[in-house]
Amino acid sequence: MQALRSHEQIRDVNTRYHDVAAATYDAKWGIDFGQVGQSQVLGKVRKLIGPELDTGFAQALEIGAGTGYFSLNLLRAGVITGELTCTDISSGMLSVLSGNAARLGLDNLHTVQSDAEALPFEDGSFDLVLGHAILHHIPDLDRAFREFHRVLRPGGRVVFAGEPSFIGDRLARVPKRAAIACAPLWRGLLGAAPAPESDPAEHEEHELEGEVDIHAFRPRDLELVAAAAGFPEVTVRGEELVANWFGWFNRGLEASAVADDVPMWWRRYAFRGYLRLQKLDERALEPHLPPALFYNLLLTARRPLSS
């Protein structure tokens, strides 16, 4: 948790950071709307809801949709069968999302600039409320989960993925620090020049980036906040351990160099290795180790039919 700030300050810095980051966000994080990206998103959701994924959801709401990675991939895959509503606190992110949707030929969606803690929708409007890497940005999670519960129809689901775990976030510091230490040698072996000083916009983005992540969760934390909002049965799973270490180490190395100097063979190695280690995590580690050890937490719950 960052030093104590007002909820208004937290919302302001999140809005400013994501507005600045929007234009280069997809490239920075490797956002993909093709087969690989779709497979990644479907895999995360299937871990939580199983065969229900194949039934689909008619009306879906994404919280903190960013550039559309999660919900646009679900829409393309036919998991969202009707209308998709995408919200974000950042108008810059929603502008990029709209451009992505147009490029992909998706027109059964609309965007709404909105705070997660005060959703401008009627009670019982959606069958699915979802999000990816968003809960850790929200200052008042209790209020937000009450809103998720309110706008869900009875029997509807919440699905959230990509949330940092308290222990996993701290474990990830090891490969990040190792990358800093190894970067000069790595650049020398590849003949890559050091990354130049950032321009003013990138500097502002970097300065704000350290301020926007305000939570790292223990699984029980998420279970309790969802239960207090009216979700009686909550499932929290862990995802990515060795893949996360591998990914953060390689990302740290690559960030230290001029992008054009990083050879394609290295990028293929890093990407394919990450995907293979994801499979190792999924098959060998996730079924057996406590969720708290993994870098990402995934959550699902259902609004009771009688509520």
C-alpha atoms as a PDB file:
ATOM      1  CA  MET A   1       0.000   0.000   0.000  1.00  0.00           C
ATOM      2  CA  GLN A   2       1.215   3.457  -0.891  1.00  0.00           C
ATOM      3  CA  ALA A   3       1.433   6.237   1.687  1.00  0.00           C
ATOM      4  CA  LEU A   4      -2.036   7.318   2.756  1.00  0.00           C
ATOM      5  CA  ARG A   5      -3.764   9.619   0.272  1.00  0.00           C
ATOM      6  CA  SER A   6      -7.348  10.684  -0.222  1.00  0.00           C
ATOM      7  CA  HIS A   7      -9.528   8.676  -2.569  1.00  0.00           C
ATOM      8  CA  GLU A   8      -9.815  11.749  -4.789  1.00  0.00           C
ATOM      9  CA  GLN A   9      -6.010  11.978  -5.110  1.00  0.00           C
ATOM     10  CA  ILE A  10      -5.792   8.294  -5.997  1.00  0.00           C
ATOM     11  CA  ARG A  11      -8.455   8.664  -8.691  1.00  0.00           C
ATOM     12  CA  ASP A  12      -6.741  11.763 -10.061  1.00  0.00           C
ATOM     13  CA  VAL A  13      -3.326  10.128 -10.398  1.00  0.00           C
ATOM     14  CA  ASN A  14      -4.889   7.032 -11.996  1.00  0.00           C
ATOM     15  CA  THR A  15      -6.705   9.189 -14.524  1.00  0.00           C
ATOM     16  CA  ARG A  16      -3.587  11.194 -15.398  1.00  0.00           C
ATOM     17  CA  TYR A  17      -1.324   8.147 -15.654  1.00  0.00           C
ATOM     18  CA  HIS A  18      -3.668   6.169 -17.875  1.00  0.00           C
ATOM     19  CA  ASP A  19      -4.362   9.163 -20.115  1.00  0.00           C
ATOM     20  CA  VAL A  20      -0.609   9.613 -20.642  1.00  0.00           C
ATOM     21  CA  ALA A  21       0.040   5.872 -21.067  1.00  0.00           C
ATOM     22  CA  ALA A  22      -2.863   5.119 -23.408  1.00  0.00           C
ATOM     23  CA  ALA A  23      -1.176   5.754 -26.768  1.00  0.00           C
ATOM     24  CA  THR A  24       1.674   3.276 -26.173  1.00  0.00           C
ATOM     25  CA  TYR A  25      -0.023   0.927 -23.712  1.00  0.00           C
ATOM     26  CA  ASP A  26      -0.688  -1.960 -26.116  1.00  0.00           C
ATOM     27  CA  ALA A  27       2.883  -1.975 -27.418  1.00  0.00           C
ATOM     28  CA  LYS A  28       4.412  -1.682 -23.938  1.00  0.00           C
ATOM     29  CA  TRP A  29       2.485  -4.633 -22.509  1.00  0.00           C
ATOM     30  CA  GLY A  30       2.269  -6.771 -25.645  1.00  0.00           C
ATOM     31  CA  ILE A  31      -1.526  -6.559 -25.866  1.00  0.00           C
ATOM     32  CA  ASP A  32      -2.724  -8.965 -28.543  1.00  0.00           C
ATOM     33  CA  PHE A  33      -6.161  -9.347 -30.142  1.00  0.00           C
ATOM     34  CA  GLY A  34      -5.226 -12.321 -32.302  1.00  0.00           C
ATOM     35  CA  GLN A  35      -5.207 -16.028 -31.561  1.00  0.00           C
ATOM     36  CA  VAL A  36      -2.604 -15.820 -28.781  1.00  0.00           C
ATOM     37  CA  GLY A  37      -4.337 -12.987 -26.917  1.00  0.00           C
ATOM     38  CA  GLN A  38      -7.719 -14.641 -27.248  1.00  0.00           C
ATOM     39  CA  SER A  39      -6.330 -17.945 -25.973  1.00  0.00           C
ATOM     40  CA  GLN A  40      -4.775 -16.216 -22.970  1.00  0.00           C
ATOM     41  CA  VAL A  41      -8.004 -14.471 -21.991  1.00  0.00           C
ATOM     42  CA  LEU A  42     -10.192 -17.533 -22.526  1.00  0.00           C
ATOM     43  CA  GLY A  43      -7.777 -19.622 -20.459  1.00  0.00           C
ATOM     44  CA  LYS A  44      -7.993 -17.244 -17.508  1.00  0.00           C
ATOM     45  CA  VAL A  45     -11.781 -17.129 -17.536  1.00  0.00           C
ATOM     46  CA  ARG A  46     -12.172 -20.876 -18.039  1.00  0.00           C
ATOM     47  CA  LYS A  47     -10.053 -21.509 -14.930  1.00  0.00           C
ATOM     48  CA  LEU A  48     -12.716 -19.669 -12.957  1.00  0.00           C
ATOM     49  CA  ILE A  49     -16.047 -20.645 -14.520  1.00  0.00           C
ATOM     50  CA  GLY A  50     -15.323 -23.813 -16.501  1.00  0.00           C
ATOM     51  CA  PRO A  51     -18.021 -24.934 -18.994  1.00  0.00           C
ATOM     52  CA  GLU A  52     -20.106 -21.849 -18.251  1.00  0.00           C
ATOM     53  CA  LEU A  53     -17.699 -20.034 -20.548  1.00  0.00           C
ATOM     54  CA  ASP A  54     -19.216 -21.922 -23.505  1.00  0.00           C
ATOM     55  CA  THR A  55     -22.737 -20.773 -22.641  1.00  0.00           C
ATOM     56  CA  GLY A  56     -21.826 -17.105 -22.945  1.00  0.00           C
ATOM     57  CA  PHE A  57     -23.201 -13.893 -21.466  1.00  0.00           C
ATOM     58  CA  ALA A  58     -25.685 -11.582 -23.174  1.00  0.00           C
ATOM     59  CA  GLN A  59     -24.945  -8.307 -21.394  1.00  0.00           C
ATOM     60  CA  ALA A  60     -21.428  -7.673 -20.097  1.00  0.00           C
ATOM     61  CA  LEU A  61     -19.767  -4.770 -18.300  1.00  0.00           C
ATOM     62  CA  GLU A  62     -16.001  -4.379 -18.072  1.00  0.00           C
ATOM     63  CA  ILE A  63     -14.636  -2.264 -15.233  1.00  0.00           C
ATOM     64  CA  GLY A  64     -11.432  -0.368 -16.007  1.00  0.00           C
ATOM     65  CA  ALA A  65     -11.384  -1.731 -19.544  1.00  0.00           C
ATOM     66  CA  GLY A  66      -8.223   0.083 -20.602  1.00  0.00           C
ATOM     67  CA  THR A  67      -7.564  -0.540 -24.285  1.00  0.00           C
ATOM     68  CA  GLY A  68      -9.910  -3.537 -24.371  1.00  0.00           C
ATOM     69  CA  TYR A  69      -7.591  -6.526 -23.938  1.00  0.00           C
ATOM     70  CA  PHE A  70      -9.954  -8.587 -21.818  1.00  0.00           C
ATOM     71  CA  SER A  71     -13.446  -7.854 -23.082  1.00  0.00           C
ATOM     72  CA  LEU A  72     -12.663  -7.339 -26.785  1.00  0.00           C
ATOM     73  CA  ASN A  73     -11.035 -10.773 -26.884  1.00  0.00           C
ATOM     74  CA  LEU A  74     -14.089 -12.280 -25.172  1.00  0.00           C
ATOM     75  CA  LEU A  75     -16.374 -10.479 -27.602  1.00  0.00           C
ATOM     76  CA  ARG A  76     -14.424 -11.766 -30.603  1.00  0.00           C
ATOM     77  CA  ALA A  77     -14.536 -15.297 -29.167  1.00  0.00           C
ATOM     78  CA  GLY A  78     -18.333 -15.189 -28.827  1.00  0.00           C
ATOM     79  CA  VAL A  79     -18.317 -15.408 -25.023  1.00  0.00           C
ATOM     80  CA  ILE A  80     -20.118 -12.067 -24.898  1.00  0.00           C
ATOM     81  CA  THR A  81     -23.119 -12.775 -27.110  1.00  0.00           C
ATOM     82  CA  GLY A  82     -24.961  -9.468 -26.860  1.00  0.00           C
ATOM     83  CA  GLU A  83     -23.864  -5.966 -25.944  1.00  0.00           C
ATOM     84  CA  LEU A  84     -20.599  -5.051 -24.247  1.00  0.00           C
ATOM     85  CA  THR A  85     -20.225  -1.923 -22.111  1.00  0.00           C
ATOM     86  CA  CYS A  86     -16.676  -0.785 -21.352  1.00  0.00           C
ATOM     87  CA  THR A  87     -15.956   1.682 -18.556  1.00  0.00           C
ATOM     88  CA  ASP A  88     -12.746   3.385 -17.533  1.00  0.00           C
ATOM     89  CA  ILE A  89     -11.768   6.408 -15.491  1.00  0.00           C
ATOM     90  CA  SER A  90      -9.460   7.467 -18.365  1.00  0.00           C
ATOM     91  CA  SER A  91     -10.878   9.005 -21.532  1.00  0.00           C
ATOM     92  CA  GLY A  92      -7.523   8.345 -23.220  1.00  0.00           C
ATOM     93  CA  MET A  93      -7.822   4.607 -22.651  1.00  0.00           C
ATOM     94  CA  LEU A  94     -11.411   4.552 -23.911  1.00  0.00           C
ATOM     95  CA  SER A  95     -10.369   6.397 -27.058  1.00  0.00           C
ATOM     96  CA  VAL A  96      -7.740   3.742 -27.824  1.00  0.00           C
ATOM     97  CA  LEU A  97     -10.252   0.990 -27.003  1.00  0.00           C
ATOM     98  CA  SER A  98     -12.747   2.468 -29.470  1.00  0.00           C
ATOM     99  CA  GLY A  99     -10.035   2.536 -32.128  1.00  0.00           C
ATOM    100  CA  ASN A 100      -9.150  -1.099 -31.413  1.00  0.00           C
ATOM    101  CA  ALA A 101     -12.808  -2.115 -31.663  1.00  0.00           C
ATOM    102  CA  ALA A 102     -13.218  -0.315 -34.989  1.00  0.00           C
ATOM    103  CA  ARG A 103     -10.066  -1.926 -36.370  1.00  0.00           C
ATOM    104  CA  LEU A 104     -11.363  -5.364 -35.320  1.00  0.00           C
ATOM    105  CA  GLY A 105     -14.807  -4.730 -36.838  1.00  0.00           C
ATOM    106  CA  LEU A 106     -16.614  -4.839 -33.472  1.00  0.00           C
ATOM    107  CA  ASP A 107     -19.633  -2.580 -33.214  1.00  0.00           C
ATOM    108  CA  ASN A 108     -21.881  -4.119 -30.529  1.00  0.00           C
ATOM    109  CA  LEU A 109     -20.246  -2.179 -27.708  1.00  0.00           C
ATOM    110  CA  HIS A 110     -20.101   1.288 -26.225  1.00  0.00           C
ATOM    111  CA  THR A 111     -17.796   3.082 -23.815  1.00  0.00           C
ATOM    112  CA  VAL A 112     -18.612   5.079 -20.692  1.00  0.00           C
ATOM    113  CA  GLN A 113     -16.117   7.149 -18.704  1.00  0.00           C
ATOM    114  CA  SER A 114     -16.960   6.161 -15.156  1.00  0.00           C
ATOM    115  CA  ASP A 115     -15.616   5.587 -11.669  1.00  0.00           C
ATOM    116  CA  ALA A 116     -15.933   1.956 -10.545  1.00  0.00           C
ATOM    117  CA  GLU A 117     -17.361   3.090  -7.202  1.00  0.00           C
ATOM    118  CA  ALA A 118     -20.305   4.967  -8.761  1.00  0.00           C
ATOM    119  CA  LEU A 119     -21.509   3.135 -11.862  1.00  0.00           C
ATOM    120  CA  PRO A 120     -24.111   5.022 -13.950  1.00  0.00           C
ATOM    121  CA  PHE A 121     -26.266   1.965 -14.671  1.00  0.00           C
ATOM    122  CA  GLU A 122     -29.598   0.705 -13.406  1.00  0.00           C
ATOM    123  CA  ASP A 123     -29.877  -2.166 -10.952  1.00  0.00           C
ATOM    124  CA  GLY A 124     -29.672  -5.616 -12.542  1.00  0.00           C
ATOM    125  CA  SER A 125     -28.403  -4.434 -15.932  1.00  0.00           C
ATOM    126  CA  PHE A 126     -25.731  -7.069 -16.654  1.00  0.00           C
ATOM    127  CA  ASP A 127     -25.160 -10.818 -16.692  1.00  0.00           C
ATOM    128  CA  LEU A 128     -21.401 -10.438 -16.295  1.00  0.00           C
ATOM    129  CA  VAL A 129     -19.196  -7.839 -14.599  1.00  0.00           C
ATOM    130  CA  LEU A 130     -15.536  -8.390 -15.346  1.00  0.00           C
ATOM    131  CA  GLY A 131     -12.129  -6.780 -15.239  1.00  0.00           C
ATOM    132  CA  HIS A 132      -8.432  -7.410 -15.699  1.00  0.00           C
ATOM    133  CA  ALA A 133      -5.734  -5.847 -13.492  1.00  0.00           C
ATOM    134  CA  ILE A 134      -8.128  -3.211 -12.177  1.00  0.00           C
ATOM    135  CA  LEU A 135      -9.063  -3.947  -8.554  1.00  0.00           C
ATOM    136  CA  HIS A 136      -5.621  -2.942  -7.279  1.00  0.00           C
ATOM    137  CA  HIS A 137      -6.202   0.599  -8.636  1.00  0.00           C
ATOM    138  CA  ILE A 138      -9.557   1.179  -6.884  1.00  0.00           C
ATOM    139  CA  PRO A 139      -9.360   3.107  -3.578  1.00  0.00           C
ATOM    140  CA  ASP A 140     -12.715   2.022  -2.076  1.00  0.00           C
ATOM    141  CA  LEU A 141     -13.088  -1.668  -2.906  1.00  0.00           C
ATOM    142  CA  ASP A 142     -16.014  -2.189  -0.536  1.00  0.00           C
ATOM    143  CA  ARG A 143     -18.043   0.443  -2.332  1.00  0.00           C
ATOM    144  CA  ALA A 144     -16.970  -0.850  -5.751  1.00  0.00           C
ATOM    145  CA  PHE A 145     -18.033  -4.422  -4.992  1.00  0.00           C
ATOM    146  CA  ARG A 146     -21.403  -3.186  -3.762  1.00  0.00           C
ATOM    147  CA  GLU A 147     -21.777  -1.483  -7.138  1.00  0.00           C
ATOM    148  CA  PHE A 148     -20.807  -4.677  -8.981  1.00  0.00           C
ATOM    149  CA  HIS A 149     -23.435  -6.552  -6.987  1.00  0.00           C
ATOM    150  CA  ARG A 150     -26.070  -3.880  -7.644  1.00  0.00           C
ATOM    151  CA  VAL A 151     -25.698  -3.773 -11.427  1.00  0.00           C
ATOM    152  CA  LEU A 152     -25.636  -7.578 -11.771  1.00  0.00           C
ATOM    153  CA  ARG A 153     -28.842  -9.466 -12.445  1.00  0.00           C
ATOM    154  CA  PRO A 154     -29.650 -12.221  -9.913  1.00  0.00           C
ATOM    155  CA  GLY A 155     -27.568 -15.205 -10.948  1.00  0.00           C
ATOM    156  CA  GLY A 156     -25.015 -12.995 -12.715  1.00  0.00           C
ATOM    157  CA  ARG A 157     -21.266 -13.352 -12.281  1.00  0.00           C
ATOM    158  CA  VAL A 158     -18.285 -11.220 -11.432  1.00  0.00           C
ATOM    159  CA  VAL A 159     -14.951 -12.294 -12.945  1.00  0.00           C
ATOM    160  CA  PHE A 160     -11.680 -10.507 -12.201  1.00  0.00           C
ATOM    161  CA  ALA A 161      -8.167 -11.587 -13.195  1.00  0.00           C
ATOM    162  CA  GLY A 162      -4.632 -10.247 -13.154  1.00  0.00           C
ATOM    163  CA  GLU A 163      -4.681  -8.911  -9.587  1.00  0.00           C
ATOM    164  CA  PRO A 164      -1.303  -8.836  -7.800  1.00  0.00           C
ATOM    165  CA  SER A 165      -0.946 -11.031  -4.741  1.00  0.00           C
ATOM    166  CA  PHE A 166       0.784  -9.681  -1.644  1.00  0.00           C
ATOM    167  CA  ILE A 167       3.409 -12.435  -1.512  1.00  0.00           C
ATOM    168  CA  GLY A 168       3.721 -12.872  -5.275  1.00  0.00           C
ATOM    169  CA  ASP A 169       4.336  -9.161  -5.770  1.00  0.00           C
ATOM    170  CA  ARG A 170       7.232  -9.290  -3.331  1.00  0.00           C
ATOM    171  CA  LEU A 171       8.660 -12.445  -4.870  1.00  0.00           C
ATOM    172  CA  ALA A 172       8.612 -10.695  -8.266  1.00  0.00           C
ATOM    173  CA  ARG A 173      11.101  -8.136  -6.976  1.00  0.00           C
ATOM    174  CA  VAL A 174      13.830 -10.798  -7.171  1.00  0.00           C
ATOM    175  CA  PRO A 175      13.836 -11.191 -10.996  1.00  0.00           C
ATOM    176  CA  LYS A 176      13.335  -7.435 -11.438  1.00  0.00           C
ATOM    177  CA  ARG A 177      16.468  -6.694  -9.392  1.00  0.00           C
ATOM    178  CA  ALA A 178      18.368  -9.490 -11.129  1.00  0.00           C
ATOM    179  CA  ALA A 179      17.519  -7.949 -14.506  1.00  0.00           C
ATOM    180  CA  ILE A 180      18.954  -4.597 -13.428  1.00  0.00           C
ATOM    181  CA  ALA A 181      22.171  -6.285 -12.331  1.00  0.00           C
ATOM    182  CA  CYS A 182      22.513  -8.385 -15.493  1.00  0.00           C
ATOM    183  CA  ALA A 183      21.420  -5.759 -18.027  1.00  0.00           C
ATOM    184  CA  PRO A 184      24.889  -4.312 -18.883  1.00  0.00           C
ATOM    185  CA  LEU A 185      26.330  -7.774 -19.578  1.00  0.00           C
ATOM    186  CA  TRP A 186      23.230  -8.794 -21.557  1.00  0.00           C
ATOM    187  CA  ARG A 187      23.383  -5.653 -23.720  1.00  0.00           C
ATOM    188  CA  GLY A 188      27.087  -6.245 -24.354  1.00  0.00           C
ATOM    189  CA  LEU A 189      26.493  -9.833 -25.522  1.00  0.00           C
ATOM    190  CA  LEU A 190      23.703  -8.706 -27.866  1.00  0.00           C
ATOM    191  CA  GLY A 191      25.455  -5.543 -29.029  1.00  0.00           C
ATOM    192  CA  ALA A 192      22.506  -3.427 -27.846  1.00  0.00           C
ATOM    193  CA  ALA A 193      22.878   0.209 -26.857  1.00  0.00           C
ATOM    194  CA  PRO A 194      21.469   1.434 -23.523  1.00  0.00           C
ATOM    195  CA  ALA A 195      17.976   2.882 -23.706  1.00  0.00           C
ATOM    196  CA  PRO A 196      18.087   6.691 -24.094  1.00  0.00           C
ATOM    197  CA  GLU A 197      16.741   9.138 -21.571  1.00  0.00           C
ATOM    198  CA  SER A 198      12.960   9.316 -21.865  1.00  0.00           C
ATOM    199  CA  ASP A 199      11.148  12.255 -23.417  1.00  0.00           C
ATOM    200  CA  PRO A 200       8.967  14.467 -21.156  1.00  0.00           C
ATOM    201  CA  ALA A 201       5.786  12.431 -21.780  1.00  0.00           C
ATOM    202  CA  GLU A 202       7.544   9.148 -20.976  1.00  0.00           C
ATOM    203  CA  HIS A 203       9.115  10.724 -17.899  1.00  0.00           C
ATOM    204  CA  GLU A 204       5.678  11.811 -16.654  1.00  0.00           C
ATOM    205  CA  GLU A 205       4.310   8.322 -17.305  1.00  0.00           C
ATOM    206  CA  HIS A 206       7.195   6.728 -15.392  1.00  0.00           C
ATOM    207  CA  GLU A 207       6.759   9.101 -12.446  1.00  0.00           C
ATOM    208  CA  LEU A 208       3.017   8.387 -12.206  1.00  0.00           C
ATOM    209  CA  GLU A 209       3.327   4.637 -12.719  1.00  0.00           C
ATOM    210  CA  GLY A 210       4.683   4.134  -9.215  1.00  0.00           C
ATOM    211  CA  GLU A 211       1.636   5.851  -7.721  1.00  0.00           C
ATOM    212  CA  VAL A 212      -1.273   3.975  -9.314  1.00  0.00           C
ATOM    213  CA  ASP A 213      -0.943   0.500  -7.751  1.00  0.00           C
ATOM    214  CA  ILE A 214      -2.450   0.882  -4.299  1.00  0.00           C
ATOM    215  CA  HIS A 215      -3.289  -2.711  -3.319  1.00  0.00           C
ATOM    216  CA  ALA A 216      -1.612  -6.102  -3.354  1.00  0.00           C
ATOM    217  CA  PHE A 217      -3.959  -8.796  -2.098  1.00  0.00           C
ATOM    218  CA  ARG A 218      -3.964 -11.823   0.088  1.00  0.00           C
ATOM    219  CA  PRO A 219      -6.621 -14.250  -1.235  1.00  0.00           C
ATOM    220  CA  ARG A 220      -8.629 -13.892   1.952  1.00  0.00           C
ATOM    221  CA  ASP A 221      -8.760 -10.105   1.457  1.00  0.00           C
ATOM    222  CA  LEU A 222     -10.604 -10.513  -1.829  1.00  0.00           C
ATOM    223  CA  GLU A 223     -12.902 -13.201  -0.459  1.00  0.00           C
ATOM    224  CA  LEU A 224     -13.968 -10.982   2.432  1.00  0.00           C
ATOM    225  CA  VAL A 225     -14.610  -7.840   0.404  1.00  0.00           C
ATOM    226  CA  ALA A 226     -16.726  -9.773  -2.108  1.00  0.00           C
ATOM    227  CA  ALA A 227     -18.648 -11.566   0.644  1.00  0.00           C
ATOM    228  CA  ALA A 228     -19.371  -8.281   2.438  1.00  0.00           C
ATOM    229  CA  ALA A 229     -20.912  -6.925  -0.775  1.00  0.00           C
ATOM    230  CA  GLY A 230     -23.404  -9.787  -0.959  1.00  0.00           C
ATOM    231  CA  PHE A 231     -21.577 -12.563  -2.813  1.00  0.00           C
ATOM    232  CA  PRO A 232     -21.912 -15.660  -0.589  1.00  0.00           C
ATOM    233  CA  GLU A 233     -19.633 -18.038  -2.517  1.00  0.00           C
ATOM    234  CA  VAL A 234     -16.336 -16.608  -3.722  1.00  0.00           C
ATOM    235  CA  THR A 235     -13.552 -18.466  -5.548  1.00  0.00           C
ATOM    236  CA  VAL A 236     -10.000 -17.075  -5.613  1.00  0.00           C
ATOM    237  CA  ARG A 237      -7.255 -18.829  -7.572  1.00  0.00           C
ATOM    238  CA  GLY A 238      -3.569 -18.146  -8.108  1.00  0.00           C
ATOM    239  CA  GLU A 239      -1.912 -17.912 -11.507  1.00  0.00           C
ATOM    240  CA  GLU A 240       1.703 -17.681 -12.741  1.00  0.00           C
ATOM    241  CA  LEU A 241       4.801 -18.328 -10.676  1.00  0.00           C
ATOM    242  CA  VAL A 242       7.802 -19.414 -12.748  1.00  0.00           C
ATOM    243  CA  ALA A 243       6.327 -17.747 -15.859  1.00  0.00           C
ATOM    244  CA  ASN A 244       6.117 -14.513 -13.923  1.00  0.00           C
ATOM    245  CA  TRP A 245       9.743 -14.682 -12.791  1.00  0.00           C
ATOM    246  CA  PHE A 246      10.866 -15.447 -16.344  1.00  0.00           C
ATOM    247  CA  GLY A 247       8.720 -12.672 -17.796  1.00  0.00           C
ATOM    248  CA  TRP A 248       9.767  -9.933 -15.381  1.00  0.00           C
ATOM    249  CA  PHE A 249      13.445 -10.813 -15.787  1.00  0.00           C
ATOM    250  CA  ASN A 250      13.291 -10.619 -19.581  1.00  0.00           C
ATOM    251  CA  ARG A 251      11.116  -7.498 -19.580  1.00  0.00           C
ATOM    252  CA  GLY A 252      13.660  -5.783 -17.329  1.00  0.00           C
ATOM    253  CA  LEU A 253      16.505  -6.680 -19.681  1.00  0.00           C
ATOM    254  CA  GLU A 254      14.628  -5.478 -22.757  1.00  0.00           C
ATOM    255  CA  ALA A 255      13.609  -2.205 -21.118  1.00  0.00           C
ATOM    256  CA  SER A 256      17.279  -1.371 -20.544  1.00  0.00           C
ATOM    257  CA  ALA A 257      18.117  -1.374 -24.265  1.00  0.00           C
ATOM    258  CA  VAL A 258      17.213   0.498 -27.437  1.00  0.00           C
ATOM    259  CA  ALA A 259      14.189  -1.433 -28.682  1.00  0.00           C
ATOM    260  CA  ASP A 260      15.456  -1.790 -32.260  1.00  0.00           C
ATOM    261  CA  ASP A 261      18.705  -3.316 -30.977  1.00  0.00           C
ATOM    262  CA  VAL A 262      16.938  -6.286 -29.363  1.00  0.00           C
ATOM    263  CA  PRO A 263      17.081  -9.069 -31.991  1.00  0.00           C
ATOM    264  CA  MET A 264      13.953 -10.897 -33.108  1.00  0.00           C
ATOM    265  CA  TRP A 265      15.357 -14.263 -32.060  1.00  0.00           C
ATOM    266  CA  TRP A 266      15.560 -13.004 -28.488  1.00  0.00           C
ATOM    267  CA  ARG A 267      11.981 -11.703 -28.575  1.00  0.00           C
ATOM    268  CA  ARG A 268      10.737 -15.055 -29.906  1.00  0.00           C
ATOM    269  CA  TYR A 269      12.680 -16.909 -27.208  1.00  0.00           C
ATOM    270  CA  ALA A 270      11.271 -14.681 -24.446  1.00  0.00           C
ATOM    271  CA  PHE A 271       7.694 -14.882 -25.720  1.00  0.00           C
ATOM    272  CA  ARG A 272       7.626 -18.623 -26.405  1.00  0.00           C
ATOM    273  CA  GLY A 273       9.409 -19.391 -23.163  1.00  0.00           C
ATOM    274  CA  TYR A 274       6.854 -17.377 -21.233  1.00  0.00           C
ATOM    275  CA  LEU A 275       3.964 -19.287 -22.854  1.00  0.00           C
ATOM    276  CA  ARG A 276       5.586 -22.653 -22.113  1.00  0.00           C
ATOM    277  CA  LEU A 277       6.190 -21.740 -18.481  1.00  0.00           C
ATOM    278  CA  GLN A 278       2.570 -20.606 -18.184  1.00  0.00           C
ATOM    279  CA  LYS A 279       1.589 -24.155 -19.131  1.00  0.00           C
ATOM    280  CA  LEU A 280       3.998 -25.543 -16.527  1.00  0.00           C
ATOM    281  CA  ASP A 281       2.455 -23.322 -13.883  1.00  0.00           C
ATOM    282  CA  GLU A 282      -1.065 -24.317 -14.900  1.00  0.00           C
ATOM    283  CA  ARG A 283      -0.477 -28.055 -14.977  1.00  0.00           C
ATOM    284  CA  ALA A 284       2.113 -28.647 -12.255  1.00  0.00           C
ATOM    285  CA  LEU A 285       1.939 -25.793  -9.750  1.00  0.00           C
ATOM    286  CA  GLU A 286      -1.436 -24.033  -9.707  1.00  0.00           C
ATOM    287  CA  PRO A 287      -3.420 -27.151  -8.677  1.00  0.00           C
ATOM    288  CA  HIS A 288      -1.124 -27.854  -5.732  1.00  0.00           C
ATOM    289  CA  LEU A 289       0.341 -24.642  -4.279  1.00  0.00           C
ATOM    290  CA  PRO A 290      -1.529 -22.017  -2.212  1.00  0.00           C
ATOM    291  CA  PRO A 291      -2.942 -19.166  -4.340  1.00  0.00           C
ATOM    292  CA  ALA A 292      -1.053 -16.635  -2.214  1.00  0.00           C
ATOM    293  CA  LEU A 293       2.303 -17.717  -3.696  1.00  0.00           C
ATOM    294  CA  PHE A 294       1.397 -16.823  -7.261  1.00  0.00           C
ATOM    295  CA  TYR A 295       1.842 -13.409  -8.837  1.00  0.00           C
ATOM    296  CA  ASN A 296      -1.737 -13.051 -10.106  1.00  0.00           C
ATOM    297  CA  LEU A 297      -4.999 -13.713  -8.327  1.00  0.00           C
ATOM    298  CA  LEU A 298      -8.261 -14.489 -10.117  1.00  0.00           C
ATOM    299  CA  LEU A 299     -11.684 -14.091  -8.525  1.00  0.00           C
ATOM    300  CA  THR A 300     -15.212 -15.125  -9.400  1.00  0.00           C
ATOM    301  CA  ALA A 301     -18.508 -15.026  -7.542  1.00  0.00           C
ATOM    302  CA  ARG A 302     -22.190 -15.155  -8.386  1.00  0.00           C
ATOM    303  CA  ARG A 303     -25.005 -12.900  -7.234  1.00  0.00           C
ATOM    304  CA  PRO A 304     -27.607 -15.125  -5.532  1.00  0.00           C
ATOM    305  CA  LEU A 305     -30.906 -15.628  -7.347  1.00  0.00           C
ATOM    306  CA  SER A 306     -32.824 -14.521  -4.282  1.00  0.00           C
ATOM    307  CA  SER A 307     -30.926 -11.280  -3.581  1.00  0.00           C
END
